[in-house]
Amino acid sequence: KEASIPPTPDFVRREAEILALLEAPFAPRLLAFEDGERPLLV
């Protein structure tokens, strides 16, 4: 998921923070995250 349209870049950053803490069968596994003008969540 590559976010470029405001305010979704902040949403993706927040989601990466949550998933980095949350390892549970009811959430997808975080594989990678890259911040920047267009944050990328994998």
ModelCIF file with pLDDT and N, C-alpha, C, O atoms, coordinates in Angstrom:
data_MODEL
#
_entry.id   MODEL 
#
_entity.id                         1 
_entity.type                       polymer 
_entity.pdbx_number_of_molecules   1 
#
_entity_poly.entity_id                      1 
_entity_poly.type                           'polypeptide(L)' 
_entity_poly.nstd_linkage                   no 
_entity_poly.nstd_monomer                   no 
_entity_poly.pdbx_seq_one_letter_code       KEASIPPTPDFVRREAEILALLEAPFAPRLLAFEDGERPLLV 
_entity_poly.pdbx_seq_one_letter_code_can   KEASIPPTPDFVRREAEILALLEAPFAPRLLAFEDGERPLLV 
_entity_poly.pdbx_strand_id                 A 
#
loop_
_entity_poly_seq.entity_id 
_entity_poly_seq.num 
_entity_poly_seq.mon_id 
_entity_poly_seq.hetero 
1 1  LYS n 
1 2  GLU n 
1 3  ALA n 
1 4  SER n 
1 5  ILE n 
1 6  PRO n 
1 7  PRO n 
1 8  THR n 
1 9  PRO n 
1 10 ASP n 
1 11 PHE n 
1 12 VAL n 
1 13 ARG n 
1 14 ARG n 
1 15 GLU n 
1 16 ALA n 
1 17 GLU n 
1 18 ILE n 
1 19 LEU n 
1 20 ALA n 
1 21 LEU n 
1 22 LEU n 
1 23 GLU n 
1 24 ALA n 
1 25 PRO n 
1 26 PHE n 
1 27 ALA n 
1 28 PRO n 
1 29 ARG n 
1 30 LEU n 
1 31 LEU n 
1 32 ALA n 
1 33 PHE n 
1 34 GLU n 
1 35 ASP n 
1 36 GLY n 
1 37 GLU n 
1 38 ARG n 
1 39 PRO n 
1 40 LEU n 
1 41 LEU n 
1 42 VAL n 
#
_struct_asym.id          A 
_struct_asym.entity_id   1 
#
loop_
_ma_qa_metric.id 
_ma_qa_metric.mode 
_ma_qa_metric.name 
_ma_qa_metric.software_group_id 
_ma_qa_metric.type 
1 global pLDDT . pLDDT 
2 local  pLDDT . pLDDT 
#
_ma_qa_metric_global.metric_id      1 
_ma_qa_metric_global.metric_value   94.17 
_ma_qa_metric_global.model_id       1 
_ma_qa_metric_global.ordinal_id     1 
#
loop_
_ma_qa_metric_local.label_asym_id 
_ma_qa_metric_local.label_comp_id 
_ma_qa_metric_local.label_seq_id 
_ma_qa_metric_local.metric_id 
_ma_qa_metric_local.metric_value 
_ma_qa_metric_local.model_id 
_ma_qa_metric_local.ordinal_id 
A LYS 1  2 93.00 1 1  
A GLU 2  2 93.00 1 2  
A ALA 3  2 90.00 1 3  
A SER 4  2 85.00 1 4  
A ILE 5  2 83.00 1 5  
A PRO 6  2 83.00 1 6  
A PRO 7  2 84.00 1 7  
A THR 8  2 87.00 1 8  
A PRO 9  2 93.00 1 9  
A ASP 10 2 94.00 1 10 
A PHE 11 2 92.00 1 11 
A VAL 12 2 95.00 1 12 
A ARG 13 2 97.00 1 13 
A ARG 14 2 96.00 1 14 
A GLU 15 2 97.00 1 15 
A ALA 16 2 97.00 1 16 
A GLU 17 2 96.00 1 17 
A ILE 18 2 97.00 1 18 
A LEU 19 2 97.00 1 19 
A ALA 20 2 96.00 1 20 
A LEU 21 2 94.00 1 21 
A LEU 22 2 94.00 1 22 
A GLU 23 2 90.00 1 23 
A ALA 24 2 96.00 1 24 
A PRO 25 2 96.00 1 25 
A PHE 26 2 98.00 1 26 
A ALA 27 2 98.00 1 27 
A PRO 28 2 97.00 1 28 
A ARG 29 2 97.00 1 29 
A LEU 30 2 98.00 1 30 
A LEU 31 2 97.00 1 31 
A ALA 32 2 97.00 1 32 
A PHE 33 2 98.00 1 33 
A GLU 34 2 97.00 1 34 
A ASP 35 2 97.00 1 35 
A GLY 36 2 93.00 1 36 
A GLU 37 2 92.00 1 37 
A ARG 38 2 94.00 1 38 
A PRO 39 2 96.00 1 39 
A LEU 40 2 97.00 1 40 
A LEU 41 2 97.00 1 41 
A VAL 42 2 97.00 1 42 
#
loop_
_atom_site.group_PDB 
_atom_site.id 
_atom_site.type_symbol 
_atom_site.label_atom_id 
_atom_site.label_alt_id 
_atom_site.label_comp_id 
_atom_site.label_asym_id 
_atom_site.label_entity_id 
_atom_site.label_seq_id 
_atom_site.pdbx_PDB_ins_code 
_atom_site.Cartn_x 
_atom_site.Cartn_y 
_atom_site.Cartn_z 
_atom_site.occupancy 
_atom_site.B_iso_or_equiv 
_atom_site.pdbx_formal_charge 
_atom_site.auth_seq_id 
_atom_site.auth_comp_id 
_atom_site.auth_asym_id 
_atom_site.auth_atom_id 
_atom_site.pdbx_PDB_model_num 
ATOM 1   N N  . LYS A 1 1  ? 0.864  -1.179  0.000  1.00 93.00 ? 1  LYS A N  1 
ATOM 2   C CA . LYS A 1 1  ? 0.000  0.000   0.000  1.00 93.00 ? 1  LYS A CA 1 
ATOM 3   C C  . LYS A 1 1  ? 0.901  1.229   0.000  1.00 93.00 ? 1  LYS A C  1 
ATOM 4   O O  . LYS A 1 1  ? 1.659  1.451   0.944  1.00 93.00 ? 1  LYS A O  1 
ATOM 5   N N  . GLU A 1 2  ? 0.813  2.033   -1.072 1.00 93.00 ? 2  GLU A N  1 
ATOM 6   C CA . GLU A 1 2  ? 1.604  3.249   -1.170 1.00 93.00 ? 2  GLU A CA 1 
ATOM 7   C C  . GLU A 1 2  ? 0.668  4.442   -1.051 1.00 93.00 ? 2  GLU A C  1 
ATOM 8   O O  . GLU A 1 2  ? -0.242 4.610   -1.863 1.00 93.00 ? 2  GLU A O  1 
ATOM 9   N N  . ALA A 1 3  ? 0.894  5.269   -0.036 1.00 90.00 ? 3  ALA A N  1 
ATOM 10  C CA . ALA A 1 3  ? -0.019 6.369   0.257  1.00 90.00 ? 3  ALA A CA 1 
ATOM 11  C C  . ALA A 1 3  ? 0.547  7.688   -0.245 1.00 90.00 ? 3  ALA A C  1 
ATOM 12  O O  . ALA A 1 3  ? 1.681  8.049   0.070  1.00 90.00 ? 3  ALA A O  1 
ATOM 13  N N  . SER A 1 4  ? -0.250 8.402   -1.026 1.00 85.00 ? 4  SER A N  1 
ATOM 14  C CA . SER A 1 4  ? 0.193  9.686   -1.554 1.00 85.00 ? 4  SER A CA 1 
ATOM 15  C C  . SER A 1 4  ? -0.843 10.786  -1.373 1.00 85.00 ? 4  SER A C  1 
ATOM 16  O O  . SER A 1 4  ? -0.503 11.966  -1.459 1.00 85.00 ? 4  SER A O  1 
ATOM 17  N N  . ILE A 1 5  ? -2.102 10.427  -1.124 1.00 83.00 ? 5  ILE A N  1 
ATOM 18  C CA . ILE A 1 5  ? -3.180 11.406  -1.051 1.00 83.00 ? 5  ILE A CA 1 
ATOM 19  C C  . ILE A 1 5  ? -3.439 11.757  0.406  1.00 83.00 ? 5  ILE A C  1 
ATOM 20  O O  . ILE A 1 5  ? -3.836 10.881  1.175  1.00 83.00 ? 5  ILE A O  1 
ATOM 21  N N  . PRO A 1 6  ? -3.230 13.013  0.819  1.00 83.00 ? 6  PRO A N  1 
ATOM 22  C CA . PRO A 1 6  ? -3.475 13.393  2.208  1.00 83.00 ? 6  PRO A CA 1 
ATOM 23  C C  . PRO A 1 6  ? -4.925 13.105  2.595  1.00 83.00 ? 6  PRO A C  1 
ATOM 24  O O  . PRO A 1 6  ? -5.816 13.257  1.760  1.00 83.00 ? 6  PRO A O  1 
ATOM 25  N N  . PRO A 1 7  ? -5.188 12.687  3.855  1.00 84.00 ? 7  PRO A N  1 
ATOM 26  C CA . PRO A 1 7  ? -4.234 12.499  4.955  1.00 84.00 ? 7  PRO A CA 1 
ATOM 27  C C  . PRO A 1 7  ? -3.725 11.060  5.075  1.00 84.00 ? 7  PRO A C  1 
ATOM 28  O O  . PRO A 1 7  ? -3.214 10.668  6.124  1.00 84.00 ? 7  PRO A O  1 
ATOM 29  N N  . THR A 1 8  ? -3.865 10.270  3.998  1.00 87.00 ? 8  THR A N  1 
ATOM 30  C CA . THR A 1 8  ? -3.552 8.850   4.126  1.00 87.00 ? 8  THR A CA 1 
ATOM 31  C C  . THR A 1 8  ? -2.079 8.537   4.407  1.00 87.00 ? 8  THR A C  1 
ATOM 32  O O  . THR A 1 8  ? -1.812 7.491   4.999  1.00 87.00 ? 8  THR A O  1 
ATOM 33  N N  . PRO A 1 9  ? -1.097 9.377   4.022  1.00 93.00 ? 9  PRO A N  1 
ATOM 34  C CA . PRO A 1 9  ? 0.263  9.049   4.454  1.00 93.00 ? 9  PRO A CA 1 
ATOM 35  C C  . PRO A 1 9  ? 0.401  8.905   5.968  1.00 93.00 ? 9  PRO A C  1 
ATOM 36  O O  . PRO A 1 9  ? 1.109  8.023   6.454  1.00 93.00 ? 9  PRO A O  1 
ATOM 37  N N  . ASP A 1 10 ? -0.276 9.772   6.701  1.00 94.00 ? 10 ASP A N  1 
ATOM 38  C CA . ASP A 1 10 ? -0.240 9.645   8.163  1.00 94.00 ? 10 ASP A CA 1 
ATOM 39  C C  . ASP A 1 10 ? -0.957 8.388   8.624  1.00 94.00 ? 10 ASP A C  1 
ATOM 40  O O  . ASP A 1 10 ? -0.551 7.766   9.606  1.00 94.00 ? 10 ASP A O  1 
ATOM 41  N N  . PHE A 1 11 ? -2.026 8.007   7.921  1.00 92.00 ? 11 PHE A N  1 
ATOM 42  C CA . PHE A 1 11 ? -2.731 6.779   8.277  1.00 92.00 ? 11 PHE A CA 1 
ATOM 43  C C  . PHE A 1 11 ? -1.812 5.566   8.116  1.00 92.00 ? 11 PHE A C  1 
ATOM 44  O O  . PHE A 1 11 ? -1.795 4.682   8.973  1.00 92.00 ? 11 PHE A O  1 
ATOM 45  N N  . VAL A 1 12 ? -1.053 5.522   7.025  1.00 95.00 ? 12 VAL A N  1 
ATOM 46  C CA . VAL A 1 12 ? -0.163 4.393   6.777  1.00 95.00 ? 12 VAL A CA 1 
ATOM 47  C C  . VAL A 1 12 ? 0.952  4.355   7.821  1.00 95.00 ? 12 VAL A C  1 
ATOM 48  O O  . VAL A 1 12 ? 1.328  3.281   8.292  1.00 95.00 ? 12 VAL A O  1 
ATOM 49  N N  . ARG A 1 13 ? 1.473  5.509   8.176  1.00 97.00 ? 13 ARG A N  1 
ATOM 50  C CA . ARG A 1 13 ? 2.500  5.536   9.236  1.00 97.00 ? 13 ARG A CA 1 
ATOM 51  C C  . ARG A 1 13 ? 1.943  4.981   10.537 1.00 97.00 ? 13 ARG A C  1 
ATOM 52  O O  . ARG A 1 13 ? 2.601  4.200   11.225 1.00 97.00 ? 13 ARG A O  1 
ATOM 53  N N  . ARG A 1 14 ? 0.728  5.390   10.867 1.00 96.00 ? 14 ARG A N  1 
ATOM 54  C CA . ARG A 1 14 ? 0.117  4.914   12.112 1.00 96.00 ? 14 ARG A CA 1 
ATOM 55  C C  . ARG A 1 14 ? -0.144 3.411   12.050 1.00 96.00 ? 14 ARG A C  1 
ATOM 56  O O  . ARG A 1 14 ? 0.076  2.703   13.032 1.00 96.00 ? 14 ARG A O  1 
ATOM 57  N N  . GLU A 1 15 ? -0.608 2.925   10.909 1.00 97.00 ? 15 GLU A N  1 
ATOM 58  C CA . GLU A 1 15 ? -0.866 1.493   10.774 1.00 97.00 ? 15 GLU A CA 1 
ATOM 59  C C  . GLU A 1 15 ? 0.416  0.690   10.932 1.00 97.00 ? 15 GLU A C  1 
ATOM 60  O O  . GLU A 1 15 ? 0.410  -0.372  11.555 1.00 97.00 ? 15 GLU A O  1 
ATOM 61  N N  . ALA A 1 16 ? 1.511  1.183   10.376 1.00 97.00 ? 16 ALA A N  1 
ATOM 62  C CA . ALA A 1 16 ? 2.795  0.492   10.524 1.00 97.00 ? 16 ALA A CA 1 
ATOM 63  C C  . ALA A 1 16 ? 3.214  0.426   11.986 1.00 97.00 ? 16 ALA A C  1 
ATOM 64  O O  . ALA A 1 16 ? 3.740  -0.592  12.435 1.00 97.00 ? 16 ALA A O  1 
ATOM 65  N N  . GLU A 1 17 ? 2.985  1.508   12.733 1.00 96.00 ? 17 GLU A N  1 
ATOM 66  C CA . GLU A 1 17 ? 3.317  1.510   14.155 1.00 96.00 ? 17 GLU A CA 1 
ATOM 67  C C  . GLU A 1 17 ? 2.525  0.454   14.917 1.00 96.00 ? 17 GLU A C  1 
ATOM 68  O O  . GLU A 1 17 ? 3.069  -0.266  15.754 1.00 96.00 ? 17 GLU A O  1 
ATOM 69  N N  . ILE A 1 18 ? 1.238  0.376   14.613 1.00 97.00 ? 18 ILE A N  1 
ATOM 70  C CA . ILE A 1 18 ? 0.382  -0.587  15.313 1.00 97.00 ? 18 ILE A CA 1 
ATOM 71  C C  . ILE A 1 18 ? 0.777  -2.014  14.961 1.00 97.00 ? 18 ILE A C  1 
ATOM 72  O O  . ILE A 1 18 ? 0.936  -2.847  15.852 1.00 97.00 ? 18 ILE A O  1 
ATOM 73  N N  . LEU A 1 19 ? 0.938  -2.306  13.670 1.00 97.00 ? 19 LEU A N  1 
ATOM 74  C CA . LEU A 1 19 ? 1.226  -3.675  13.261 1.00 97.00 ? 19 LEU A CA 1 
ATOM 75  C C  . LEU A 1 19 ? 2.614  -4.123  13.706 1.00 97.00 ? 19 LEU A C  1 
ATOM 76  O O  . LEU A 1 19 ? 2.852  -5.319  13.870 1.00 97.00 ? 19 LEU A O  1 
ATOM 77  N N  . ALA A 1 20 ? 3.537  -3.173  13.904 1.00 96.00 ? 20 ALA A N  1 
ATOM 78  C CA . ALA A 1 20 ? 4.851  -3.548  14.422 1.00 96.00 ? 20 ALA A CA 1 
ATOM 79  C C  . ALA A 1 20 ? 4.756  -4.080  15.849 1.00 96.00 ? 20 ALA A C  1 
ATOM 80  O O  . ALA A 1 20 ? 5.612  -4.849  16.287 1.00 96.00 ? 20 ALA A O  1 
ATOM 81  N N  . LEU A 1 21 ? 3.713  -3.671  16.575 1.00 94.00 ? 21 LEU A N  1 
ATOM 82  C CA . LEU A 1 21 ? 3.509  -4.122  17.950 1.00 94.00 ? 21 LEU A CA 1 
ATOM 83  C C  . LEU A 1 21 ? 2.565  -5.313  18.042 1.00 94.00 ? 21 LEU A C  1 
ATOM 84  O O  . LEU A 1 21 ? 2.570  -6.048  19.030 1.00 94.00 ? 21 LEU A O  1 
ATOM 85  N N  . LEU A 1 22 ? 1.755  -5.498  17.002 1.00 94.00 ? 22 LEU A N  1 
ATOM 86  C CA . LEU A 1 22 ? 0.659  -6.452  17.070 1.00 94.00 ? 22 LEU A CA 1 
ATOM 87  C C  . LEU A 1 22 ? 0.971  -7.696  16.249 1.00 94.00 ? 22 LEU A C  1 
ATOM 88  O O  . LEU A 1 22 ? 0.923  -7.662  15.019 1.00 94.00 ? 22 LEU A O  1 
ATOM 89  N N  . GLU A 1 23 ? 1.286  -8.776  16.918 1.00 90.00 ? 23 GLU A N  1 
ATOM 90  C CA . GLU A 1 23 ? 1.443  -10.068 16.265 1.00 90.00 ? 23 GLU A CA 1 
ATOM 91  C C  . GLU A 1 23 ? 0.314  -10.962 16.738 1.00 90.00 ? 23 GLU A C  1 
ATOM 92  O O  . GLU A 1 23 ? 0.372  -11.532 17.827 1.00 90.00 ? 23 GLU A O  1 
ATOM 93  N N  . ALA A 1 24 ? -0.708 -11.079 15.916 1.00 96.00 ? 24 ALA A N  1 
ATOM 94  C CA . ALA A 1 24 ? -1.909 -11.803 16.314 1.00 96.00 ? 24 ALA A CA 1 
ATOM 95  C C  . ALA A 1 24 ? -2.548 -12.408 15.079 1.00 96.00 ? 24 ALA A C  1 
ATOM 96  O O  . ALA A 1 24 ? -2.392 -11.879 13.979 1.00 96.00 ? 24 ALA A O  1 
ATOM 97  N N  . PRO A 1 25 ? -3.270 -13.520 15.247 1.00 96.00 ? 25 PRO A N  1 
ATOM 98  C CA . PRO A 1 25 ? -3.895 -14.161 14.076 1.00 96.00 ? 25 PRO A CA 1 
ATOM 99  C C  . PRO A 1 25 ? -5.013 -13.341 13.472 1.00 96.00 ? 25 PRO A C  1 
ATOM 100 O O  . PRO A 1 25 ? -5.467 -13.648 12.370 1.00 96.00 ? 25 PRO A O  1 
ATOM 101 N N  . PHE A 1 26 ? -5.475 -12.298 14.162 1.00 98.00 ? 26 PHE A N  1 
ATOM 102 C CA . PHE A 1 26 ? -6.559 -11.477 13.620 1.00 98.00 ? 26 PHE A CA 1 
ATOM 103 C C  . PHE A 1 26 ? -6.051 -10.243 12.896 1.00 98.00 ? 26 PHE A C  1 
ATOM 104 O O  . PHE A 1 26 ? -6.844 -9.367  12.552 1.00 98.00 ? 26 PHE A O  1 
ATOM 105 N N  . ALA A 1 27 ? -4.726 -10.149 12.652 1.00 98.00 ? 27 ALA A N  1 
ATOM 106 C CA . ALA A 1 27 ? -4.156 -9.019  11.925 1.00 98.00 ? 27 ALA A CA 1 
ATOM 107 C C  . ALA A 1 27 ? -3.122 -9.523  10.926 1.00 98.00 ? 27 ALA A C  1 
ATOM 108 O O  . ALA A 1 27 ? -2.478 -10.540 11.185 1.00 98.00 ? 27 ALA A O  1 
ATOM 109 N N  . PRO A 1 28 ? -2.941 -8.846  9.791  1.00 97.00 ? 28 PRO A N  1 
ATOM 110 C CA . PRO A 1 28 ? -1.915 -9.275  8.823  1.00 97.00 ? 28 PRO A CA 1 
ATOM 111 C C  . PRO A 1 28 ? -0.514 -9.037  9.372  1.00 97.00 ? 28 PRO A C  1 
ATOM 112 O O  . PRO A 1 28 ? -0.301 -8.136  10.184 1.00 97.00 ? 28 PRO A O  1 
ATOM 113 N N  . ARG A 1 29 ? 0.433  -9.844  8.928  1.00 97.00 ? 29 ARG A N  1 
ATOM 114 C CA . ARG A 1 29 ? 1.825  -9.678  9.348  1.00 97.00 ? 29 ARG A CA 1 
ATOM 115 C C  . ARG A 1 29 ? 2.458  -8.509  8.599  1.00 97.00 ? 29 ARG A C  1 
ATOM 116 O O  . ARG A 1 29 ? 2.311  -8.374  7.385  1.00 97.00 ? 29 ARG A O  1 
ATOM 117 N N  . LEU A 1 30 ? 3.157  -7.675  9.347  1.00 98.00 ? 30 LEU A N  1 
ATOM 118 C CA . LEU A 1 30 ? 3.918  -6.587  8.749  1.00 98.00 ? 30 LEU A CA 1 
ATOM 119 C C  . LEU A 1 30 ? 5.229  -7.142  8.208  1.00 98.00 ? 30 LEU A C  1 
ATOM 120 O O  . LEU A 1 30 ? 6.013  -7.723  8.958  1.00 98.00 ? 30 LEU A O  1 
ATOM 121 N N  . LEU A 1 31 ? 5.472  -6.967  6.911  1.00 97.00 ? 31 LEU A N  1 
ATOM 122 C CA . LEU A 1 31 ? 6.706  -7.446  6.295  1.00 97.00 ? 31 LEU A CA 1 
ATOM 123 C C  . LEU A 1 31 ? 7.754  -6.350  6.169  1.00 97.00 ? 31 LEU A C  1 
ATOM 124 O O  . LEU A 1 31 ? 8.946  -6.615  6.325  1.00 97.00 ? 31 LEU A O  1 
ATOM 125 N N  . ALA A 1 32 ? 7.328  -5.134  5.890  1.00 97.00 ? 32 ALA A N  1 
ATOM 126 C CA . ALA A 1 32 ? 8.283  -4.037  5.736  1.00 97.00 ? 32 ALA A CA 1 
ATOM 127 C C  . ALA A 1 32 ? 7.525  -2.720  5.725  1.00 97.00 ? 32 ALA A C  1 
ATOM 128 O O  . ALA A 1 32 ? 6.323  -2.674  5.459  1.00 97.00 ? 32 ALA A O  1 
ATOM 129 N N  . PHE A 1 33 ? 8.254  -1.652  6.020  1.00 98.00 ? 33 PHE A N  1 
ATOM 130 C CA . PHE A 1 33 ? 7.682  -0.308  5.962  1.00 98.00 ? 33 PHE A CA 1 
ATOM 131 C C  . PHE A 1 33 ? 8.783  0.669   5.591  1.00 98.00 ? 33 PHE A C  1 
ATOM 132 O O  . PHE A 1 33 ? 9.903  0.589   6.097  1.00 98.00 ? 33 PHE A O  1 
ATOM 133 N N  . GLU A 1 34 ? 8.448  1.593   4.700  1.00 97.00 ? 34 GLU A N  1 
ATOM 134 C CA . GLU A 1 34 ? 9.377  2.655   4.333  1.00 97.00 ? 34 GLU A CA 1 
ATOM 135 C C  . GLU A 1 34 ? 8.640  3.984   4.380  1.00 97.00 ? 34 GLU A C  1 
ATOM 136 O O  . GLU A 1 34 ? 7.629  4.173   3.704  1.00 97.00 ? 34 GLU A O  1 
ATOM 137 N N  . ASP A 1 35 ? 9.159  4.900   5.186  1.00 97.00 ? 35 ASP A N  1 
ATOM 138 C CA . ASP A 1 35 ? 8.543  6.214   5.310  1.00 97.00 ? 35 ASP A CA 1 
ATOM 139 C C  . ASP A 1 35 ? 9.034  7.122   4.187  1.00 97.00 ? 35 ASP A C  1 
ATOM 140 O O  . ASP A 1 35 ? 9.874  6.732   3.376  1.00 97.00 ? 35 ASP A O  1 
ATOM 141 N N  . GLY A 1 36 ? 8.503  8.319   4.157  1.00 93.00 ? 36 GLY A N  1 
ATOM 142 C CA . GLY A 1 36 ? 8.888  9.269   3.125  1.00 93.00 ? 36 GLY A CA 1 
ATOM 143 C C  . GLY A 1 36 ? 7.671  10.043  2.665  1.00 93.00 ? 36 GLY A C  1 
ATOM 144 O O  . GLY A 1 36 ? 6.626  10.012  3.316  1.00 93.00 ? 36 GLY A O  1 
ATOM 145 N N  . GLU A 1 37 ? 7.800  10.732  1.554  1.00 92.00 ? 37 GLU A N  1 
ATOM 146 C CA . GLU A 1 37 ? 6.676  11.505  1.021  1.00 92.00 ? 37 GLU A CA 1 
ATOM 147 C C  . GLU A 1 37 ? 5.500  10.607  0.680  1.00 92.00 ? 37 GLU A C  1 
ATOM 148 O O  . GLU A 1 37 ? 4.344  11.008  0.821  1.00 92.00 ? 37 GLU A O  1 
ATOM 149 N N  . ARG A 1 38 ? 5.795  9.381   0.228  1.00 94.00 ? 38 ARG A N  1 
ATOM 150 C CA . ARG A 1 38 ? 4.760  8.385   -0.075 1.00 94.00 ? 38 ARG A CA 1 
ATOM 151 C C  . ARG A 1 38 ? 5.086  7.118   0.722  1.00 94.00 ? 38 ARG A C  1 
ATOM 152 O O  . ARG A 1 38 ? 5.722  6.206   0.194  1.00 94.00 ? 38 ARG A O  1 
ATOM 153 N N  . PRO A 1 39 ? 4.663  7.052   1.968  1.00 96.00 ? 39 PRO A N  1 
ATOM 154 C CA . PRO A 1 39 ? 4.977  5.883   2.792  1.00 96.00 ? 39 PRO A CA 1 
ATOM 155 C C  . PRO A 1 39 ? 4.479  4.590   2.135  1.00 96.00 ? 39 PRO A C  1 
ATOM 156 O O  . PRO A 1 39 ? 3.410  4.551   1.525  1.00 96.00 ? 39 PRO A O  1 
ATOM 157 N N  . LEU A 1 40 ? 5.279  3.548   2.279  1.00 97.00 ? 40 LEU A N  1 
ATOM 158 C CA . LEU A 1 40 ? 4.944  2.247   1.693  1.00 97.00 ? 40 LEU A CA 1 
ATOM 159 C C  . LEU A 1 40 ? 4.835  1.209   2.797  1.00 97.00 ? 40 LEU A C  1 
ATOM 160 O O  . LEU A 1 40 ? 5.768  1.011   3.575  1.00 97.00 ? 40 LEU A O  1 
ATOM 161 N N  . LEU A 1 41 ? 3.697  0.555   2.855  1.00 97.00 ? 41 LEU A N  1 
ATOM 162 C CA . LEU A 1 41 ? 3.448  -0.506  3.818  1.00 97.00 ? 41 LEU A CA 1 
ATOM 163 C C  . LEU A 1 41 ? 3.381  -1.827  3.069  1.00 97.00 ? 41 LEU A C  1 
ATOM 164 O O  . LEU A 1 41 ? 2.631  -1.951  2.101  1.00 97.00 ? 41 LEU A O  1 
ATOM 165 N N  . VAL A 1 42 ? 4.160  -2.817  3.505  1.00 97.00 ? 42 VAL A N  1 
ATOM 166 C CA . VAL A 1 42 ? 4.180  -4.125  2.859  1.00 97.00 ? 42 VAL A CA 1 
ATOM 167 C C  . VAL A 1 42 ? 3.727  -5.165  3.881  1.00 97.00 ? 42 VAL A C  1 
ATOM 168 O O  . VAL A 1 42 ? 3.663  -6.353  3.565  1.00 97.00 ? 42 VAL A O  1 
#
